Amino acid sequence: MAGIIVDKDYICRDYATEIFMISPNRTYNTLLALVTVWCIAIVAAPLLAAGGEVSGPAGSLLYEGFSRICHQIDARSFHIAGEKLGVCVRCSSIYFGFLATLIAIPFIVSPNRLRTPSIQWLFLALAPMIVDVLSYNLGIQSSPVMARLVTGILAGAILPLYIVPSLLEAVGQIKMSLYKAGGFYARKTQ
């Protein structure tokens, strides 16, 4: 190594650039993996429950977990293998719509270049679901399965456009502050 001059500041800057360039993709891929696992669990609940004694308890455990976030009313749920999904039609539509947009984003724009749209688009996308829920709860009309499906997909599909840019920015800021404070990311370069 004789004759090689090492500029620690340059190495530190170079490593920091590497962290902050790769980091958004890593964060995005982590989110995509978590949402994918969540959606798989929604479908796995009825498949495991239908499996009998061997896998039935695992299905029951998934149903129990999902019961914390969804009413799971049988008549308002899609069914697989004679069992309802882990969550109702509207919740399933929201989660799978969210996943579909997460999968589509890299084909349209790099996740770290995604910019949050105007808030009016969020309100516009959520309005049909809000109207459907309110009109049902006020007894004005019933809420057919197709209305729950379409309004759920619409709501779920738009949410990543607001969540992903904010998440990537927040994680980037945390990493940058750790780097500036001499935390984990700065120590790796020494």
C-alpha atoms as a PDB file:
ATOM      1  CA  MET A   1       0.000   0.000   0.000  1.00  0.00           C
ATOM      2  CA  ALA A   2       3.065   2.246  -0.066  1.00  0.00           C
ATOM      3  CA  GLY A   3       2.632   5.302  -2.240  1.00  0.00           C
ATOM      4  CA  ILE A   4      -1.174   5.378  -1.980  1.00  0.00           C
ATOM      5  CA  ILE A   5      -2.518   8.518  -0.387  1.00  0.00           C
ATOM      6  CA  VAL A   6      -5.850   8.009   1.328  1.00  0.00           C
ATOM      7  CA  ASP A   7      -8.048  11.046   1.818  1.00  0.00           C
ATOM      8  CA  LYS A   8     -10.360  10.102   4.695  1.00  0.00           C
ATOM      9  CA  ASP A   9     -12.706  13.010   3.950  1.00  0.00           C
ATOM     10  CA  TYR A  10     -13.092  11.836   0.354  1.00  0.00           C
ATOM     11  CA  ILE A  11     -13.768   8.249   1.446  1.00  0.00           C
ATOM     12  CA  CYS A  12     -16.281   9.526   3.979  1.00  0.00           C
ATOM     13  CA  ARG A  13     -18.035  11.712   1.381  1.00  0.00           C
ATOM     14  CA  ASP A  14     -17.975   8.894  -1.170  1.00  0.00           C
ATOM     15  CA  TYR A  15     -19.478   6.444   1.317  1.00  0.00           C
ATOM     16  CA  ALA A  16     -22.134   8.968   2.325  1.00  0.00           C
ATOM     17  CA  THR A  17     -23.089   9.443  -1.322  1.00  0.00           C
ATOM     18  CA  GLU A  18     -23.330   5.671  -1.729  1.00  0.00           C
ATOM     19  CA  ILE A  19     -25.569   5.361   1.327  1.00  0.00           C
ATOM     20  CA  PHE A  20     -27.947   8.088   0.277  1.00  0.00           C
ATOM     21  CA  MET A  21     -28.151   6.938  -3.343  1.00  0.00           C
ATOM     22  CA  ILE A  22     -28.789   3.267  -2.539  1.00  0.00           C
ATOM     23  CA  SER A  23     -30.861   3.860   0.561  1.00  0.00           C
ATOM     24  CA  PRO A  24     -34.106   4.916  -1.167  1.00  0.00           C
ATOM     25  CA  ASN A  25     -34.136   1.697  -3.187  1.00  0.00           C
ATOM     26  CA  ARG A  26     -33.446  -0.384  -0.098  1.00  0.00           C
ATOM     27  CA  THR A  27     -36.218   1.383   1.831  1.00  0.00           C
ATOM     28  CA  TYR A  28     -38.623   1.032  -1.089  1.00  0.00           C
ATOM     29  CA  ASN A  29     -37.827  -2.673  -1.515  1.00  0.00           C
ATOM     30  CA  THR A  30     -38.334  -3.243   2.210  1.00  0.00           C
ATOM     31  CA  LEU A  31     -41.752  -1.580   2.039  1.00  0.00           C
ATOM     32  CA  LEU A  32     -42.647  -3.624  -1.041  1.00  0.00           C
ATOM     33  CA  ALA A  33     -41.599  -6.851   0.701  1.00  0.00           C
ATOM     34  CA  LEU A  34     -43.607  -6.047   3.841  1.00  0.00           C
ATOM     35  CA  VAL A  35     -46.748  -5.163   1.881  1.00  0.00           C
ATOM     36  CA  THR A  36     -46.354  -8.313  -0.223  1.00  0.00           C
ATOM     37  CA  VAL A  37     -46.101 -10.478   2.894  1.00  0.00           C
ATOM     38  CA  TRP A  38     -49.165  -8.701   4.338  1.00  0.00           C
ATOM     39  CA  CYS A  39     -51.202  -9.430   1.192  1.00  0.00           C
ATOM     40  CA  ILE A  40     -50.009 -13.041   1.108  1.00  0.00           C
ATOM     41  CA  ALA A  41     -51.138 -13.413   4.734  1.00  0.00           C
ATOM     42  CA  ILE A  42     -54.619 -12.151   3.771  1.00  0.00           C
ATOM     43  CA  VAL A  43     -54.916 -14.960   1.213  1.00  0.00           C
ATOM     44  CA  ALA A  44     -53.096 -17.510   3.392  1.00  0.00           C
ATOM     45  CA  ALA A  45     -55.610 -17.207   6.241  1.00  0.00           C
ATOM     46  CA  PRO A  46     -58.438 -19.070   4.457  1.00  0.00           C
ATOM     47  CA  LEU A  47     -56.075 -21.532   2.792  1.00  0.00           C
ATOM     48  CA  LEU A  48     -54.522 -22.453   6.128  1.00  0.00           C
ATOM     49  CA  ALA A  49     -57.898 -22.540   7.887  1.00  0.00           C
ATOM     50  CA  ALA A  50     -59.231 -24.924   5.244  1.00  0.00           C
ATOM     51  CA  GLY A  51     -56.203 -27.176   5.787  1.00  0.00           C
ATOM     52  CA  GLY A  52     -57.676 -28.831   8.873  1.00  0.00           C
ATOM     53  CA  GLU A  53     -55.770 -29.877  11.961  1.00  0.00           C
ATOM     54  CA  VAL A  54     -52.300 -29.370  10.535  1.00  0.00           C
ATOM     55  CA  SER A  55     -52.511 -25.788   9.285  1.00  0.00           C
ATOM     56  CA  GLY A  56     -55.835 -24.719  10.797  1.00  0.00           C
ATOM     57  CA  PRO A  57     -54.299 -23.148  13.933  1.00  0.00           C
ATOM     58  CA  ALA A  58     -52.041 -20.960  11.785  1.00  0.00           C
ATOM     59  CA  GLY A  59     -55.098 -19.795   9.844  1.00  0.00           C
ATOM     60  CA  SER A  60     -56.910 -19.046  13.104  1.00  0.00           C
ATOM     61  CA  LEU A  61     -53.932 -17.041  14.295  1.00  0.00           C
ATOM     62  CA  LEU A  62     -53.968 -14.963  11.094  1.00  0.00           C
ATOM     63  CA  TYR A  63     -57.727 -14.387  11.411  1.00  0.00           C
ATOM     64  CA  GLU A  64     -57.221 -13.271  14.998  1.00  0.00           C
ATOM     65  CA  GLY A  65     -54.526 -10.818  13.962  1.00  0.00           C
ATOM     66  CA  PHE A  66     -56.612  -9.386  11.132  1.00  0.00           C
ATOM     67  CA  SER A  67     -59.656  -9.088  13.417  1.00  0.00           C
ATOM     68  CA  ARG A  68     -57.845  -6.200  15.124  1.00  0.00           C
ATOM     69  CA  ILE A  69     -58.105  -4.096  11.957  1.00  0.00           C
ATOM     70  CA  CYS A  70     -61.182  -5.415  10.124  1.00  0.00           C
ATOM     71  CA  HIS A  71     -64.708  -6.492  11.019  1.00  0.00           C
ATOM     72  CA  GLN A  72     -64.319  -9.657   8.873  1.00  0.00           C
ATOM     73  CA  ILE A  73     -68.074  -9.969   8.273  1.00  0.00           C
ATOM     74  CA  ASP A  74     -68.545 -13.129   6.231  1.00  0.00           C
ATOM     75  CA  ALA A  75     -71.122 -11.637   3.845  1.00  0.00           C
ATOM     76  CA  ARG A  76     -68.763  -8.738   3.064  1.00  0.00           C
ATOM     77  CA  SER A  77     -65.710 -10.873   2.322  1.00  0.00           C
ATOM     78  CA  PHE A  78     -64.297 -12.736  -0.640  1.00  0.00           C
ATOM     79  CA  HIS A  79     -63.894 -16.480  -0.094  1.00  0.00           C
ATOM     80  CA  ILE A  80     -61.227 -19.006  -1.050  1.00  0.00           C
ATOM     81  CA  ALA A  81     -61.554 -22.745  -0.369  1.00  0.00           C
ATOM     82  CA  GLY A  82     -64.891 -22.083   1.360  1.00  0.00           C
ATOM     83  CA  GLU A  83     -63.318 -19.676   3.857  1.00  0.00           C
ATOM     84  CA  LYS A  84     -63.385 -15.869   3.910  1.00  0.00           C
ATOM     85  CA  LEU A  85     -60.192 -13.912   3.284  1.00  0.00           C
ATOM     86  CA  GLY A  86     -58.403 -12.511   6.309  1.00  0.00           C
ATOM     87  CA  VAL A  87     -60.095  -9.136   5.767  1.00  0.00           C
ATOM     88  CA  CYS A  88     -63.279  -7.887   4.092  1.00  0.00           C
ATOM     89  CA  VAL A  89     -63.692  -6.885   0.441  1.00  0.00           C
ATOM     90  CA  ARG A  90     -62.963  -3.187   1.043  1.00  0.00           C
ATOM     91  CA  CYS A  91     -59.864  -3.854   3.160  1.00  0.00           C
ATOM     92  CA  SER A  92     -58.595  -6.475   0.679  1.00  0.00           C
ATOM     93  CA  SER A  93     -59.089  -4.001  -2.145  1.00  0.00           C
ATOM     94  CA  ILE A  94     -57.209  -1.284  -0.291  1.00  0.00           C
ATOM     95  CA  TYR A  95     -54.244  -3.565   0.473  1.00  0.00           C
ATOM     96  CA  PHE A  96     -54.042  -5.130  -2.979  1.00  0.00           C
ATOM     97  CA  GLY A  97     -54.514  -1.725  -4.656  1.00  0.00           C
ATOM     98  CA  PHE A  98     -51.641  -0.431  -2.518  1.00  0.00           C
ATOM     99  CA  LEU A  99     -49.491  -3.405  -3.545  1.00  0.00           C
ATOM    100  CA  ALA A 100     -50.356  -2.974  -7.245  1.00  0.00           C
ATOM    101  CA  THR A 101     -49.226   0.654  -7.184  1.00  0.00           C
ATOM    102  CA  LEU A 102     -46.028  -0.242  -5.316  1.00  0.00           C
ATOM    103  CA  ILE A 103     -45.249  -2.810  -7.998  1.00  0.00           C
ATOM    104  CA  ALA A 104     -46.039  -0.323 -10.795  1.00  0.00           C
ATOM    105  CA  ILE A 105     -44.027   2.649  -9.462  1.00  0.00           C
ATOM    106  CA  PRO A 106     -40.545   1.478 -10.590  1.00  0.00           C
ATOM    107  CA  PHE A 107     -41.882   0.904 -14.120  1.00  0.00           C
ATOM    108  CA  ILE A 108     -43.112   4.496 -14.275  1.00  0.00           C
ATOM    109  CA  VAL A 109     -40.526   6.461 -12.281  1.00  0.00           C
ATOM    110  CA  SER A 110     -37.607   5.703  -9.997  1.00  0.00           C
ATOM    111  CA  PRO A 111     -39.000   5.537  -6.431  1.00  0.00           C
ATOM    112  CA  ASN A 112     -36.499   8.144  -5.214  1.00  0.00           C
ATOM    113  CA  ARG A 113     -37.725  10.551  -7.927  1.00  0.00           C
ATOM    114  CA  LEU A 114     -41.392  10.099  -7.037  1.00  0.00           C
ATOM    115  CA  ARG A 115     -42.960  13.366  -5.926  1.00  0.00           C
ATOM    116  CA  THR A 116     -46.063  13.665  -3.776  1.00  0.00           C
ATOM    117  CA  PRO A 117     -49.056  14.774  -5.865  1.00  0.00           C
ATOM    118  CA  SER A 118     -51.332  17.606  -4.814  1.00  0.00           C
ATOM    119  CA  ILE A 119     -53.485  16.713  -1.803  1.00  0.00           C
ATOM    120  CA  GLN A 120     -56.618  17.306  -3.880  1.00  0.00           C
ATOM    121  CA  TRP A 121     -55.959  14.026  -5.735  1.00  0.00           C
ATOM    122  CA  LEU A 122     -55.980  12.151  -2.443  1.00  0.00           C
ATOM    123  CA  PHE A 123     -59.305  13.688  -1.441  1.00  0.00           C
ATOM    124  CA  LEU A 124     -60.711  12.984  -4.901  1.00  0.00           C
ATOM    125  CA  ALA A 125     -59.662   9.321  -4.701  1.00  0.00           C
ATOM    126  CA  LEU A 126     -60.988   8.852  -1.154  1.00  0.00           C
ATOM    127  CA  ALA A 127     -64.284  10.701  -1.714  1.00  0.00           C
ATOM    128  CA  PRO A 128     -66.168   7.773  -3.332  1.00  0.00           C
ATOM    129  CA  MET A 129     -65.274   5.477  -0.421  1.00  0.00           C
ATOM    130  CA  ILE A 130     -66.254   8.103   2.147  1.00  0.00           C
ATOM    131  CA  VAL A 131     -69.594   8.672   0.383  1.00  0.00           C
ATOM    132  CA  ASP A 132     -70.204   4.916   0.183  1.00  0.00           C
ATOM    133  CA  VAL A 133     -69.422   4.344   3.876  1.00  0.00           C
ATOM    134  CA  LEU A 134     -71.457   7.348   5.046  1.00  0.00           C
ATOM    135  CA  SER A 135     -74.479   6.554   2.876  1.00  0.00           C
ATOM    136  CA  TYR A 136     -74.467   2.965   4.160  1.00  0.00           C
ATOM    137  CA  ASN A 137     -74.039   3.952   7.816  1.00  0.00           C
ATOM    138  CA  LEU A 138     -76.759   6.605   7.540  1.00  0.00           C
ATOM    139  CA  GLY A 139     -79.140   4.054   6.011  1.00  0.00           C
ATOM    140  CA  ILE A 140     -79.420   5.929   2.724  1.00  0.00           C
ATOM    141  CA  GLN A 141     -78.347   2.976   0.569  1.00  0.00           C
ATOM    142  CA  SER A 142     -76.817  -0.452   0.817  1.00  0.00           C
ATOM    143  CA  SER A 143     -73.165  -0.861  -0.058  1.00  0.00           C
ATOM    144  CA  PRO A 144     -72.849  -3.481  -2.805  1.00  0.00           C
ATOM    145  CA  VAL A 145     -69.720  -5.603  -3.107  1.00  0.00           C
ATOM    146  CA  MET A 146     -68.722  -3.892  -6.354  1.00  0.00           C
ATOM    147  CA  ALA A 147     -68.833  -0.459  -4.678  1.00  0.00           C
ATOM    148  CA  ARG A 148     -66.622  -1.717  -1.835  1.00  0.00           C
ATOM    149  CA  LEU A 149     -64.242  -3.311  -4.314  1.00  0.00           C
ATOM    150  CA  VAL A 150     -63.874  -0.279  -6.602  1.00  0.00           C
ATOM    151  CA  THR A 151     -63.660   2.328  -3.838  1.00  0.00           C
ATOM    152  CA  GLY A 152     -61.136   0.203  -1.949  1.00  0.00           C
ATOM    153  CA  ILE A 153     -58.905  -0.276  -4.990  1.00  0.00           C
ATOM    154  CA  LEU A 154     -59.066   3.444  -5.766  1.00  0.00           C
ATOM    155  CA  ALA A 155     -58.115   4.390  -2.202  1.00  0.00           C
ATOM    156  CA  GLY A 156     -55.362   1.786  -1.941  1.00  0.00           C
ATOM    157  CA  ALA A 157     -53.906   2.625  -5.338  1.00  0.00           C
ATOM    158  CA  ILE A 158     -53.382   6.303  -4.554  1.00  0.00           C
ATOM    159  CA  LEU A 159     -51.953   5.952  -1.033  1.00  0.00           C
ATOM    160  CA  PRO A 160     -48.424   4.859  -2.077  1.00  0.00           C
ATOM    161  CA  LEU A 161     -48.070   8.080  -4.077  1.00  0.00           C
ATOM    162  CA  TYR A 162     -48.267   9.937  -0.752  1.00  0.00           C
ATOM    163  CA  ILE A 163     -46.612   7.428   1.573  1.00  0.00           C
ATOM    164  CA  VAL A 164     -43.545   6.423  -0.478  1.00  0.00           C
ATOM    165  CA  PRO A 165     -42.046   9.919  -1.010  1.00  0.00           C
ATOM    166  CA  SER A 166     -42.588  10.818   2.656  1.00  0.00           C
ATOM    167  CA  LEU A 167     -41.124   7.522   3.867  1.00  0.00           C
ATOM    168  CA  LEU A 168     -38.056   7.810   1.641  1.00  0.00           C
ATOM    169  CA  GLU A 169     -37.466  11.382   2.745  1.00  0.00           C
ATOM    170  CA  ALA A 170     -37.887  10.514   6.436  1.00  0.00           C
ATOM    171  CA  VAL A 171     -35.482   7.565   6.253  1.00  0.00           C
ATOM    172  CA  GLY A 172     -32.986   9.694   4.305  1.00  0.00           C
ATOM    173  CA  GLN A 173     -33.157  12.447   6.923  1.00  0.00           C
ATOM    174  CA  ILE A 174     -32.652   9.969   9.753  1.00  0.00           C
ATOM    175  CA  LYS A 175     -29.630   8.455   8.025  1.00  0.00           C
ATOM    176  CA  MET A 176     -28.194  11.881   7.243  1.00  0.00           C
ATOM    177  CA  SER A 177     -28.569  13.029  10.852  1.00  0.00           C
ATOM    178  CA  LEU A 178     -26.909   9.810  12.067  1.00  0.00           C
ATOM    179  CA  TYR A 179     -24.115  10.372   9.583  1.00  0.00           C
ATOM    180  CA  LYS A 180     -23.600  13.994  10.651  1.00  0.00           C
ATOM    181  CA  ALA A 181     -23.688  13.031  14.324  1.00  0.00           C
ATOM    182  CA  GLY A 182     -21.010  10.417  13.786  1.00  0.00           C
ATOM    183  CA  GLY A 183     -23.451   7.571  14.215  1.00  0.00           C
ATOM    184  CA  PHE A 184     -23.504   4.162  12.584  1.00  0.00           C
ATOM    185  CA  TYR A 185     -23.106   5.339   9.003  1.00  0.00           C
ATOM    186  CA  ALA A 186     -20.124   7.581   9.757  1.00  0.00           C
ATOM    187  CA  ARG A 187     -18.377   4.838  11.783  1.00  0.00           C
ATOM    188  CA  LYS A 188     -18.423   2.406   8.869  1.00  0.00           C
ATOM    189  CA  THR A 189     -16.021   4.624   6.919  1.00  0.00           C
ATOM    190  CA  GLN A 190     -13.339   4.768   9.592  1.00  0.00           C
END
